[in-house]
Amino acid sequence: MKEKLMTRRDFLRMAAVAPFLAAGPAHREDGVNLLSASKSRVVLIRHKEALDASGRHNPPVIQKMLDEAIMAFFNVKEPVDGWRRIIEPTDVVGIKSNVWSYIPTGPVVEQALKRRILEVGVPEERIGIDDRGVLRNPIFQKATALINVRPARTHHWSGMGTCIKNLIMFVPNPPAYHGDSCADLAKIWNLPLVKNKVKLNILLLLTPLFHGIGPHHYSEKYVWPYRGILMGEDPVAVDATGMRVLEAKRRQYFGGERPLQPPAHHILLADTRYHLGVSSPEKIELIRLGWQEDILI
């Protein structure tokens, strides 16, 4: 049998859990995984100049925000060192974007991410950016690592457009997952094309849509310049944090409780039914960086 060699990514992951292993067994006698009981880290970074005077993404500031977020998340001094924790030069990397016309991920964010992946040493021909064409895209068909990035917004079928939902384009018939307010979206994350490949989840709160009525509804009345970005490895923790921001804005705007309709219960079910991550604030380590005015959380 051929011996499997340890990659740098394997080494870093082992190093991260070594202190826990040294302290005792990874599982209790009742089978509970003690390592998974630790908090999921999420970084929220905001910058007053994230948007220019016309409301468009400000490229140097967006790059700075992403850089500072990944440095804080991995506790490193250079952005590329953070990226090296999750991406190898030998990887084939797909940046799963979102092209919804009113609030897309956008080229400023996409290119900022691609720039750092190139710095890790991944050749340009092994980096792809796509949304609705991922099933036909050779890069995504061969991908060994995925970066999942999309804007936060209310959603007619799922309650909220989330990082969890952003993988729906990896199935040939997305409407098949619309039942019960998209309750089973987390099931997609176990498909062979994506399972264990998503290395980073980024939920854009630069100009979130906090209220909508009907399919594809958009109104500038319900968009606000929050100028924020959420980042984390746990998609459930990232989405749950983003939902708290949207809910707080809805309370502020409507003058009281105004739950999302339909409820975005796919986030909770991703935790309780599919064990994809954690949704409870008590299990999330939220790091707040940058501009704090009207942070809402």
C-alpha atoms as a PDB file:
ATOM      1  CA  MET A   1       0.000   0.000   0.000  1.00  0.00           C
ATOM      2  CA  LYS A   2       1.300   3.431  -0.940  1.00  0.00           C
ATOM      3  CA  GLU A   3       2.021   5.612   2.070  1.00  0.00           C
ATOM      4  CA  LYS A   4      -0.007   8.866   2.156  1.00  0.00           C
ATOM      5  CA  LEU A   5       2.149  11.957   2.545  1.00  0.00           C
ATOM      6  CA  MET A   6       1.126  14.766   4.878  1.00  0.00           C
ATOM      7  CA  THR A   7       0.461  18.108   3.195  1.00  0.00           C
ATOM      8  CA  ARG A   8       1.118  21.481   4.797  1.00  0.00           C
ATOM      9  CA  ARG A   9      -2.654  21.889   5.205  1.00  0.00           C
ATOM     10  CA  ASP A  10      -2.788  18.585   7.133  1.00  0.00           C
ATOM     11  CA  PHE A  11       0.105  19.740   9.320  1.00  0.00           C
ATOM     12  CA  LEU A  12      -1.519  23.090  10.120  1.00  0.00           C
ATOM     13  CA  ARG A  13      -4.805  21.443  11.033  1.00  0.00           C
ATOM     14  CA  MET A  14      -3.026  18.981  13.332  1.00  0.00           C
ATOM     15  CA  ALA A  15      -1.098  21.829  14.921  1.00  0.00           C
ATOM     16  CA  ALA A  16      -4.316  23.705  15.566  1.00  0.00           C
ATOM     17  CA  VAL A  17      -5.865  20.847  17.527  1.00  0.00           C
ATOM     18  CA  ALA A  18      -2.687  19.627  19.229  1.00  0.00           C
ATOM     19  CA  PRO A  19      -3.276  21.577  22.469  1.00  0.00           C
ATOM     20  CA  PHE A  20      -6.702  19.939  22.832  1.00  0.00           C
ATOM     21  CA  LEU A  21      -5.320  16.477  22.146  1.00  0.00           C
ATOM     22  CA  ALA A  22      -2.553  16.981  24.671  1.00  0.00           C
ATOM     23  CA  ALA A  23      -5.096  17.888  27.302  1.00  0.00           C
ATOM     24  CA  GLY A  24      -7.011  14.636  26.932  1.00  0.00           C
ATOM     25  CA  PRO A  25      -9.065  12.472  24.584  1.00  0.00           C
ATOM     26  CA  ALA A  26     -10.903  14.104  21.677  1.00  0.00           C
ATOM     27  CA  HIS A  27     -14.136  12.321  22.588  1.00  0.00           C
ATOM     28  CA  ARG A  28     -15.917  11.888  25.884  1.00  0.00           C
ATOM     29  CA  GLU A  29     -17.035   8.447  26.945  1.00  0.00           C
ATOM     30  CA  ASP A  30     -20.519   9.249  25.612  1.00  0.00           C
ATOM     31  CA  GLY A  31     -19.072   9.928  22.141  1.00  0.00           C
ATOM     32  CA  VAL A  32     -19.338  13.724  22.091  1.00  0.00           C
ATOM     33  CA  ASN A  33     -16.543  15.279  20.033  1.00  0.00           C
ATOM     34  CA  LEU A  34     -14.813  17.737  22.362  1.00  0.00           C
ATOM     35  CA  LEU A  35     -13.052  19.533  19.503  1.00  0.00           C
ATOM     36  CA  SER A  36     -16.329  20.423  17.797  1.00  0.00           C
ATOM     37  CA  ALA A  37     -17.584  21.872  21.096  1.00  0.00           C
ATOM     38  CA  SER A  38     -15.249  24.870  20.756  1.00  0.00           C
ATOM     39  CA  LYS A  39     -16.652  28.129  19.416  1.00  0.00           C
ATOM     40  CA  SER A  40     -16.795  28.941  15.712  1.00  0.00           C
ATOM     41  CA  ARG A  41     -14.896  32.116  14.928  1.00  0.00           C
ATOM     42  CA  VAL A  42     -16.520  34.766  12.739  1.00  0.00           C
ATOM     43  CA  VAL A  43     -14.968  38.113  11.819  1.00  0.00           C
ATOM     44  CA  LEU A  44     -17.148  41.146  11.153  1.00  0.00           C
ATOM     45  CA  ILE A  45     -15.241  44.030   9.608  1.00  0.00           C
ATOM     46  CA  ARG A  46     -16.691  47.389   8.588  1.00  0.00           C
ATOM     47  CA  HIS A  47     -15.159  50.448   6.968  1.00  0.00           C
ATOM     48  CA  LYS A  48     -16.786  53.830   6.518  1.00  0.00           C
ATOM     49  CA  GLU A  49     -15.184  54.177   3.066  1.00  0.00           C
ATOM     50  CA  ALA A  50     -16.061  50.704   1.775  1.00  0.00           C
ATOM     51  CA  LEU A  51     -18.401  52.415  -0.706  1.00  0.00           C
ATOM     52  CA  ASP A  52     -17.506  55.397  -2.857  1.00  0.00           C
ATOM     53  CA  ALA A  53     -19.655  58.513  -3.271  1.00  0.00           C
ATOM     54  CA  SER A  54     -21.879  56.737  -5.814  1.00  0.00           C
ATOM     55  CA  GLY A  55     -22.385  53.682  -3.596  1.00  0.00           C
ATOM     56  CA  ARG A  56     -20.054  51.393  -5.563  1.00  0.00           C
ATOM     57  CA  HIS A  57     -17.462  49.120  -3.988  1.00  0.00           C
ATOM     58  CA  ASN A  58     -14.221  50.958  -3.234  1.00  0.00           C
ATOM     59  CA  PRO A  59     -11.462  48.593  -4.507  1.00  0.00           C
ATOM     60  CA  PRO A  60      -8.519  49.474  -2.210  1.00  0.00           C
ATOM     61  CA  VAL A  61     -10.749  49.593   0.859  1.00  0.00           C
ATOM     62  CA  ILE A  62     -12.451  46.279   0.018  1.00  0.00           C
ATOM     63  CA  GLN A  63      -9.023  44.671  -0.413  1.00  0.00           C
ATOM     64  CA  LYS A  64      -7.924  46.107   2.927  1.00  0.00           C
ATOM     65  CA  MET A  65     -11.067  44.810   4.657  1.00  0.00           C
ATOM     66  CA  LEU A  66     -10.633  41.288   3.303  1.00  0.00           C
ATOM     67  CA  ASP A  67      -6.953  41.330   4.223  1.00  0.00           C
ATOM     68  CA  GLU A  68      -7.572  42.512   7.776  1.00  0.00           C
ATOM     69  CA  ALA A  69     -10.390  40.020   8.232  1.00  0.00           C
ATOM     70  CA  ILE A  70      -8.344  36.989   7.225  1.00  0.00           C
ATOM     71  CA  MET A  71      -5.379  38.147   9.342  1.00  0.00           C
ATOM     72  CA  ALA A  72      -7.657  38.462  12.363  1.00  0.00           C
ATOM     73  CA  PHE A  73      -9.354  35.168  11.681  1.00  0.00           C
ATOM     74  CA  PHE A  74      -6.101  33.201  11.565  1.00  0.00           C
ATOM     75  CA  ASN A  75      -4.147  35.519  13.888  1.00  0.00           C
ATOM     76  CA  VAL A  76      -1.355  36.142  11.383  1.00  0.00           C
ATOM     77  CA  LYS A  77       0.538  39.271  10.377  1.00  0.00           C
ATOM     78  CA  GLU A  78       0.248  39.067   6.573  1.00  0.00           C
ATOM     79  CA  PRO A  79      -2.830  38.306   4.437  1.00  0.00           C
ATOM     80  CA  VAL A  80      -1.027  35.694   2.358  1.00  0.00           C
ATOM     81  CA  ASP A  81      -0.156  33.778   5.528  1.00  0.00           C
ATOM     82  CA  GLY A  82      -3.862  33.499   6.274  1.00  0.00           C
ATOM     83  CA  TRP A  83      -4.587  32.265   2.785  1.00  0.00           C
ATOM     84  CA  ARG A  84      -1.809  29.693   3.094  1.00  0.00           C
ATOM     85  CA  ARG A  85      -3.731  28.154   5.986  1.00  0.00           C
ATOM     86  CA  ILE A  86      -6.518  27.117   3.614  1.00  0.00           C
ATOM     87  CA  ILE A  87      -5.066  27.093   0.079  1.00  0.00           C
ATOM     88  CA  GLU A  88      -2.121  25.119  -1.321  1.00  0.00           C
ATOM     89  CA  PRO A  89      -0.208  26.102  -4.492  1.00  0.00           C
ATOM     90  CA  THR A  90      -1.296  22.747  -5.956  1.00  0.00           C
ATOM     91  CA  ASP A  91      -5.020  23.432  -5.437  1.00  0.00           C
ATOM     92  CA  VAL A  92      -7.599  24.025  -8.124  1.00  0.00           C
ATOM     93  CA  VAL A  93      -9.656  26.892  -6.688  1.00  0.00           C
ATOM     94  CA  GLY A  94     -13.207  27.872  -7.485  1.00  0.00           C
ATOM     95  CA  ILE A  95     -14.528  31.207  -6.234  1.00  0.00           C
ATOM     96  CA  LYS A  96     -18.276  30.619  -5.943  1.00  0.00           C
ATOM     97  CA  SER A  97     -19.755  34.041  -6.530  1.00  0.00           C
ATOM     98  CA  ASN A  98     -23.324  35.328  -6.885  1.00  0.00           C
ATOM     99  CA  VAL A  99     -24.568  37.246  -9.919  1.00  0.00           C
ATOM    100  CA  TRP A 100     -28.030  38.411  -8.811  1.00  0.00           C
ATOM    101  CA  SER A 101     -28.290  41.591 -10.835  1.00  0.00           C
ATOM    102  CA  TYR A 102     -29.431  43.995  -8.115  1.00  0.00           C
ATOM    103  CA  ILE A 103     -26.789  43.072  -5.517  1.00  0.00           C
ATOM    104  CA  PRO A 104     -24.096  40.829  -7.028  1.00  0.00           C
ATOM    105  CA  THR A 105     -20.835  39.812  -5.398  1.00  0.00           C
ATOM    106  CA  GLY A 106     -19.136  41.989  -7.990  1.00  0.00           C
ATOM    107  CA  PRO A 107     -15.716  42.073  -9.646  1.00  0.00           C
ATOM    108  CA  VAL A 108     -14.084  44.217  -6.952  1.00  0.00           C
ATOM    109  CA  VAL A 109     -14.564  41.493  -4.332  1.00  0.00           C
ATOM    110  CA  GLU A 110     -13.903  38.646  -6.769  1.00  0.00           C
ATOM    111  CA  GLN A 111     -10.596  40.101  -7.962  1.00  0.00           C
ATOM    112  CA  ALA A 112      -9.485  40.953  -4.425  1.00  0.00           C
ATOM    113  CA  LEU A 113      -9.886  37.285  -3.489  1.00  0.00           C
ATOM    114  CA  LYS A 114      -8.246  36.047  -6.681  1.00  0.00           C
ATOM    115  CA  ARG A 115      -5.272  38.368  -6.095  1.00  0.00           C
ATOM    116  CA  ARG A 116      -4.431  36.729  -2.780  1.00  0.00           C
ATOM    117  CA  ILE A 117      -4.944  33.199  -4.109  1.00  0.00           C
ATOM    118  CA  LEU A 118      -2.452  33.991  -6.873  1.00  0.00           C
ATOM    119  CA  GLU A 119       0.001  35.180  -4.206  1.00  0.00           C
ATOM    120  CA  VAL A 120      -0.235  31.775  -2.521  1.00  0.00           C
ATOM    121  CA  GLY A 121       1.160  30.328  -5.741  1.00  0.00           C
ATOM    122  CA  VAL A 122      -1.927  28.939  -7.459  1.00  0.00           C
ATOM    123  CA  PRO A 123      -1.531  29.513 -11.240  1.00  0.00           C
ATOM    124  CA  GLU A 124      -4.216  31.681 -12.857  1.00  0.00           C
ATOM    125  CA  GLU A 125      -5.330  28.824 -15.093  1.00  0.00           C
ATOM    126  CA  ARG A 126      -6.308  26.863 -11.959  1.00  0.00           C
ATOM    127  CA  ILE A 127      -8.542  29.618 -10.537  1.00  0.00           C
ATOM    128  CA  GLY A 128     -12.153  30.035 -11.635  1.00  0.00           C
ATOM    129  CA  ILE A 129     -14.938  32.492 -10.759  1.00  0.00           C
ATOM    130  CA  ASP A 130     -18.498  31.421 -11.457  1.00  0.00           C
ATOM    131  CA  ASP A 131     -22.050  31.201 -10.162  1.00  0.00           C
ATOM    132  CA  ARG A 132     -24.762  29.725 -12.353  1.00  0.00           C
ATOM    133  CA  GLY A 133     -22.350  27.852 -14.578  1.00  0.00           C
ATOM    134  CA  VAL A 134     -20.415  25.911 -11.944  1.00  0.00           C
ATOM    135  CA  LEU A 135     -21.698  22.515 -13.096  1.00  0.00           C
ATOM    136  CA  ARG A 136     -20.333  23.156 -16.606  1.00  0.00           C
ATOM    137  CA  ASN A 137     -17.141  24.892 -15.531  1.00  0.00           C
ATOM    138  CA  PRO A 138     -14.024  22.641 -15.762  1.00  0.00           C
ATOM    139  CA  ILE A 139     -12.352  24.480 -12.873  1.00  0.00           C
ATOM    140  CA  PHE A 140     -15.265  23.756 -10.540  1.00  0.00           C
ATOM    141  CA  GLN A 141     -15.538  20.183 -11.802  1.00  0.00           C
ATOM    142  CA  LYS A 142     -11.911  19.604 -10.754  1.00  0.00           C
ATOM    143  CA  ALA A 143     -11.799  21.986  -7.788  1.00  0.00           C
ATOM    144  CA  THR A 144      -9.972  20.927  -4.648  1.00  0.00           C
ATOM    145  CA  ALA A 145     -10.819  24.152  -2.796  1.00  0.00           C
ATOM    146  CA  LEU A 146     -13.809  26.496  -2.925  1.00  0.00           C
ATOM    147  CA  ILE A 147     -14.164  30.069  -1.667  1.00  0.00           C
ATOM    148  CA  ASN A 148     -17.835  30.839  -1.062  1.00  0.00           C
ATOM    149  CA  VAL A 149     -18.769  34.526  -1.343  1.00  0.00           C
ATOM    150  CA  ARG A 150     -22.099  36.296  -1.768  1.00  0.00           C
ATOM    151  CA  PRO A 151     -24.119  39.319  -0.571  1.00  0.00           C
ATOM    152  CA  ALA A 152     -26.687  39.003   2.202  1.00  0.00           C
ATOM    153  CA  ARG A 153     -30.307  39.733   1.321  1.00  0.00           C
ATOM    154  CA  THR A 154     -33.837  38.710   2.070  1.00  0.00           C
ATOM    155  CA  HIS A 155     -35.088  35.899  -0.155  1.00  0.00           C
ATOM    156  CA  HIS A 156     -38.554  34.872  -1.291  1.00  0.00           C
ATOM    157  CA  TRP A 157     -38.010  31.114  -0.922  1.00  0.00           C
ATOM    158  CA  SER A 158     -35.392  30.757   1.823  1.00  0.00           C
ATOM    159  CA  GLY A 159     -36.054  33.853   3.930  1.00  0.00           C
ATOM    160  CA  MET A 160     -32.477  34.979   3.460  1.00  0.00           C
ATOM    161  CA  GLY A 161     -29.815  34.562   0.801  1.00  0.00           C
ATOM    162  CA  THR A 162     -26.950  32.935   2.670  1.00  0.00           C
ATOM    163  CA  CYS A 163     -23.587  31.262   2.239  1.00  0.00           C
ATOM    164  CA  ILE A 164     -25.362  27.954   2.851  1.00  0.00           C
ATOM    165  CA  LYS A 165     -27.757  28.679  -0.011  1.00  0.00           C
ATOM    166  CA  ASN A 166     -25.010  29.891  -2.330  1.00  0.00           C
ATOM    167  CA  LEU A 167     -24.086  26.288  -3.175  1.00  0.00           C
ATOM    168  CA  ILE A 168     -27.518  25.575  -4.670  1.00  0.00           C
ATOM    169  CA  MET A 169     -26.069  25.989  -8.170  1.00  0.00           C
ATOM    170  CA  PHE A 170     -24.118  22.781  -7.621  1.00  0.00           C
ATOM    171  CA  VAL A 171     -27.353  20.815  -8.109  1.00  0.00           C
ATOM    172  CA  PRO A 172     -28.963  20.376 -11.556  1.00  0.00           C
ATOM    173  CA  ASN A 173     -32.451  21.295 -10.318  1.00  0.00           C
ATOM    174  CA  PRO A 174     -32.271  24.063  -7.674  1.00  0.00           C
ATOM    175  CA  PRO A 175     -36.095  24.371  -7.275  1.00  0.00           C
ATOM    176  CA  ALA A 176     -36.064  20.854  -5.853  1.00  0.00           C
ATOM    177  CA  TYR A 177     -34.640  22.415  -2.685  1.00  0.00           C
ATOM    178  CA  HIS A 178     -37.272  25.154  -2.358  1.00  0.00           C
ATOM    179  CA  GLY A 179     -39.672  23.073  -0.281  1.00  0.00           C
ATOM    180  CA  ASP A 180     -40.395  24.076   3.319  1.00  0.00           C
ATOM    181  CA  SER A 181     -38.566  27.403   2.902  1.00  0.00           C
ATOM    182  CA  CYS A 182     -35.451  25.631   1.600  1.00  0.00           C
ATOM    183  CA  ALA A 183     -35.148  23.655   4.830  1.00  0.00           C
ATOM    184  CA  ASP A 184     -32.713  21.091   3.432  1.00  0.00           C
ATOM    185  CA  LEU A 185     -30.154  23.340   1.764  1.00  0.00           C
ATOM    186  CA  ALA A 186     -27.384  22.012   4.004  1.00  0.00           C
ATOM    187  CA  LYS A 187     -27.824  18.599   2.370  1.00  0.00           C
ATOM    188  CA  ILE A 188     -26.115  20.040  -0.720  1.00  0.00           C
ATOM    189  CA  TRP A 189     -22.907  20.455   1.264  1.00  0.00           C
ATOM    190  CA  ASN A 190     -22.525  16.660   1.390  1.00  0.00           C
ATOM    191  CA  LEU A 191     -22.496  16.243  -2.394  1.00  0.00           C
ATOM    192  CA  PRO A 192     -19.148  14.915  -3.714  1.00  0.00           C
ATOM    193  CA  LEU A 193     -18.548  18.009  -5.842  1.00  0.00           C
ATOM    194  CA  VAL A 194     -18.419  20.275  -2.767  1.00  0.00           C
ATOM    195  CA  LYS A 195     -18.037  18.114   0.354  1.00  0.00           C
ATOM    196  CA  ASN A 196     -15.163  19.322   2.542  1.00  0.00           C
ATOM    197  CA  LYS A 197     -13.963  21.650  -0.232  1.00  0.00           C
ATOM    198  CA  VAL A 198     -15.316  25.004   0.994  1.00  0.00           C
ATOM    199  CA  LYS A 199     -12.371  26.599   2.783  1.00  0.00           C
ATOM    200  CA  LEU A 200     -13.797  30.048   3.504  1.00  0.00           C
ATOM    201  CA  ASN A 201     -17.256  31.624   3.628  1.00  0.00           C
ATOM    202  CA  ILE A 202     -17.686  35.361   3.061  1.00  0.00           C
ATOM    203  CA  LEU A 203     -21.067  37.032   3.507  1.00  0.00           C
ATOM    204  CA  LEU A 204     -21.075  40.559   2.142  1.00  0.00           C
ATOM    205  CA  LEU A 205     -22.967  43.105   4.202  1.00  0.00           C
ATOM    206  CA  LEU A 206     -21.800  46.071   2.174  1.00  0.00           C
ATOM    207  CA  THR A 207     -25.295  47.012   0.952  1.00  0.00           C
ATOM    208  CA  PRO A 208     -27.687  44.364   2.315  1.00  0.00           C
ATOM    209  CA  LEU A 209     -31.342  44.074   1.303  1.00  0.00           C
ATOM    210  CA  PHE A 210     -33.232  43.733   4.588  1.00  0.00           C
ATOM    211  CA  HIS A 211     -36.821  43.462   3.307  1.00  0.00           C
ATOM    212  CA  GLY A 212     -38.517  42.134   0.203  1.00  0.00           C
ATOM    213  CA  ILE A 213     -41.902  40.915  -1.008  1.00  0.00           C
ATOM    214  CA  GLY A 214     -42.218  38.300  -3.749  1.00  0.00           C
ATOM    215  CA  PRO A 215     -39.701  36.581  -6.063  1.00  0.00           C
ATOM    216  CA  HIS A 216     -36.747  38.713  -7.117  1.00  0.00           C
ATOM    217  CA  HIS A 217     -38.134  41.737  -5.314  1.00  0.00           C
ATOM    218  CA  TYR A 218     -35.767  44.663  -4.972  1.00  0.00           C
ATOM    219  CA  SER A 219     -36.271  48.174  -3.710  1.00  0.00           C
ATOM    220  CA  GLU A 220     -33.586  50.707  -2.852  1.00  0.00           C
ATOM    221  CA  LYS A 221     -35.879  51.694   0.002  1.00  0.00           C
ATOM    222  CA  TYR A 222     -34.830  48.497   1.803  1.00  0.00           C
ATOM    223  CA  VAL A 223     -31.113  48.631   1.078  1.00  0.00           C
ATOM    224  CA  TRP A 224     -28.720  50.323   3.469  1.00  0.00           C
ATOM    225  CA  PRO A 225     -24.974  51.020   3.412  1.00  0.00           C
ATOM    226  CA  TYR A 226     -23.882  48.855   6.313  1.00  0.00           C
ATOM    227  CA  ARG A 227     -20.397  48.657   4.778  1.00  0.00           C
ATOM    228  CA  GLY A 228     -19.550  45.320   6.365  1.00  0.00           C
ATOM    229  CA  ILE A 229     -18.106  41.897   5.536  1.00  0.00           C
ATOM    230  CA  LEU A 230     -18.477  38.662   7.514  1.00  0.00           C
ATOM    231  CA  MET A 231     -15.857  35.929   7.188  1.00  0.00           C
ATOM    232  CA  GLY A 232     -15.482  32.464   8.674  1.00  0.00           C
ATOM    233  CA  GLU A 233     -14.884  28.798   7.994  1.00  0.00           C
ATOM    234  CA  ASP A 234     -18.239  27.768   9.492  1.00  0.00           C
ATOM    235  CA  PRO A 235     -21.012  28.751   7.024  1.00  0.00           C
ATOM    236  CA  VAL A 236     -23.738  28.328   9.629  1.00  0.00           C
ATOM    237  CA  ALA A 237     -22.040  30.661  12.095  1.00  0.00           C
ATOM    238  CA  VAL A 238     -21.436  33.245   9.361  1.00  0.00           C
ATOM    239  CA  ASP A 239     -25.046  33.102   8.153  1.00  0.00           C
ATOM    240  CA  ALA A 240     -26.519  33.124  11.660  1.00  0.00           C
ATOM    241  CA  THR A 241     -24.501  36.248  12.450  1.00  0.00           C
ATOM    242  CA  GLY A 242     -25.598  37.901   9.217  1.00  0.00           C
ATOM    243  CA  MET A 243     -29.215  37.080   9.992  1.00  0.00           C
ATOM    244  CA  ARG A 244     -28.891  38.779  13.379  1.00  0.00           C
ATOM    245  CA  VAL A 245     -27.734  41.957  11.625  1.00  0.00           C
ATOM    246  CA  LEU A 246     -30.667  41.863   9.186  1.00  0.00           C
ATOM    247  CA  GLU A 247     -33.130  41.193  11.993  1.00  0.00           C
ATOM    248  CA  ALA A 248     -31.723  44.100  14.011  1.00  0.00           C
ATOM    249  CA  LYS A 249     -32.076  46.409  11.026  1.00  0.00           C
ATOM    250  CA  ARG A 250     -35.685  45.277  10.514  1.00  0.00           C
ATOM    251  CA  ARG A 251     -36.473  46.058  14.162  1.00  0.00           C
ATOM    252  CA  GLN A 252     -34.844  49.450  13.798  1.00  0.00           C
ATOM    253  CA  TYR A 253     -36.650  50.282  10.556  1.00  0.00           C
ATOM    254  CA  PHE A 254     -40.116  48.910  11.348  1.00  0.00           C
ATOM    255  CA  GLY A 255     -40.107  49.946  15.006  1.00  0.00           C
ATOM    256  CA  GLY A 256     -40.553  46.448  16.450  1.00  0.00           C
ATOM    257  CA  GLU A 257     -40.226  42.757  15.764  1.00  0.00           C
ATOM    258  CA  ARG A 258     -40.693  41.961  12.083  1.00  0.00           C
ATOM    259  CA  PRO A 259     -39.531  38.345  11.513  1.00  0.00           C
ATOM    260  CA  LEU A 260     -38.236  37.319   8.114  1.00  0.00           C
ATOM    261  CA  GLN A 261     -40.936  35.837   5.906  1.00  0.00           C
ATOM    262  CA  PRO A 262     -40.536  33.056   5.212  1.00  0.00           C
ATOM    263  CA  PRO A 263     -38.324  32.261   8.193  1.00  0.00           C
ATOM    264  CA  ALA A 264     -34.724  31.477   7.295  1.00  0.00           C
ATOM    265  CA  HIS A 265     -34.898  28.235   9.253  1.00  0.00           C
ATOM    266  CA  HIS A 266     -32.467  26.517   6.890  1.00  0.00           C
ATOM    267  CA  ILE A 267     -29.733  28.157   8.994  1.00  0.00           C
ATOM    268  CA  LEU A 268     -30.905  26.559  12.241  1.00  0.00           C
ATOM    269  CA  LEU A 269     -31.559  23.221  10.511  1.00  0.00           C
ATOM    270  CA  ALA A 270     -28.068  23.262   9.028  1.00  0.00           C
ATOM    271  CA  ASP A 271     -26.953  23.154  12.664  1.00  0.00           C
ATOM    272  CA  THR A 272     -29.512  20.896  14.351  1.00  0.00           C
ATOM    273  CA  ARG A 273     -30.398  18.525  11.504  1.00  0.00           C
ATOM    274  CA  TYR A 274     -27.273  18.418   9.350  1.00  0.00           C
ATOM    275  CA  HIS A 275     -24.546  19.419  11.843  1.00  0.00           C
ATOM    276  CA  LEU A 276     -22.860  21.623   9.258  1.00  0.00           C
ATOM    277  CA  GLY A 277     -21.921  24.248  11.855  1.00  0.00           C
ATOM    278  CA  VAL A 278     -23.252  26.200  14.818  1.00  0.00           C
ATOM    279  CA  SER A 279     -26.018  28.805  14.847  1.00  0.00           C
ATOM    280  CA  SER A 280     -26.274  29.815  18.505  1.00  0.00           C
ATOM    281  CA  PRO A 281     -24.569  33.129  19.380  1.00  0.00           C
ATOM    282  CA  GLU A 282     -23.228  31.470  22.538  1.00  0.00           C
ATOM    283  CA  LYS A 283     -21.205  29.102  20.323  1.00  0.00           C
ATOM    284  CA  ILE A 284     -19.851  31.826  18.039  1.00  0.00           C
ATOM    285  CA  GLU A 285     -16.752  33.899  18.752  1.00  0.00           C
ATOM    286  CA  LEU A 286     -17.519  37.180  16.999  1.00  0.00           C
ATOM    287  CA  ILE A 287     -14.551  39.447  16.327  1.00  0.00           C
ATOM    288  CA  ARG A 288     -15.586  43.010  15.473  1.00  0.00           C
ATOM    289  CA  LEU A 289     -13.125  45.134  13.502  1.00  0.00           C
ATOM    290  CA  GLY A 290     -13.182  48.636  12.083  1.00  0.00           C
ATOM    291  CA  TRP A 291     -16.042  51.122  11.993  1.00  0.00           C
ATOM    292  CA  GLN A 292     -18.429  50.550  14.903  1.00  0.00           C
ATOM    293  CA  GLU A 293     -21.157  53.156  14.344  1.00  0.00           C
ATOM    294  CA  ASP A 294     -24.630  51.537  14.034  1.00  0.00           C
ATOM    295  CA  ILE A 295     -23.053  48.084  14.086  1.00  0.00           C
ATOM    296  CA  LEU A 296     -26.374  46.582  15.329  1.00  0.00           C
ATOM    297  CA  ILE A 297     -24.791  43.475  16.840  1.00  0.00           C
END
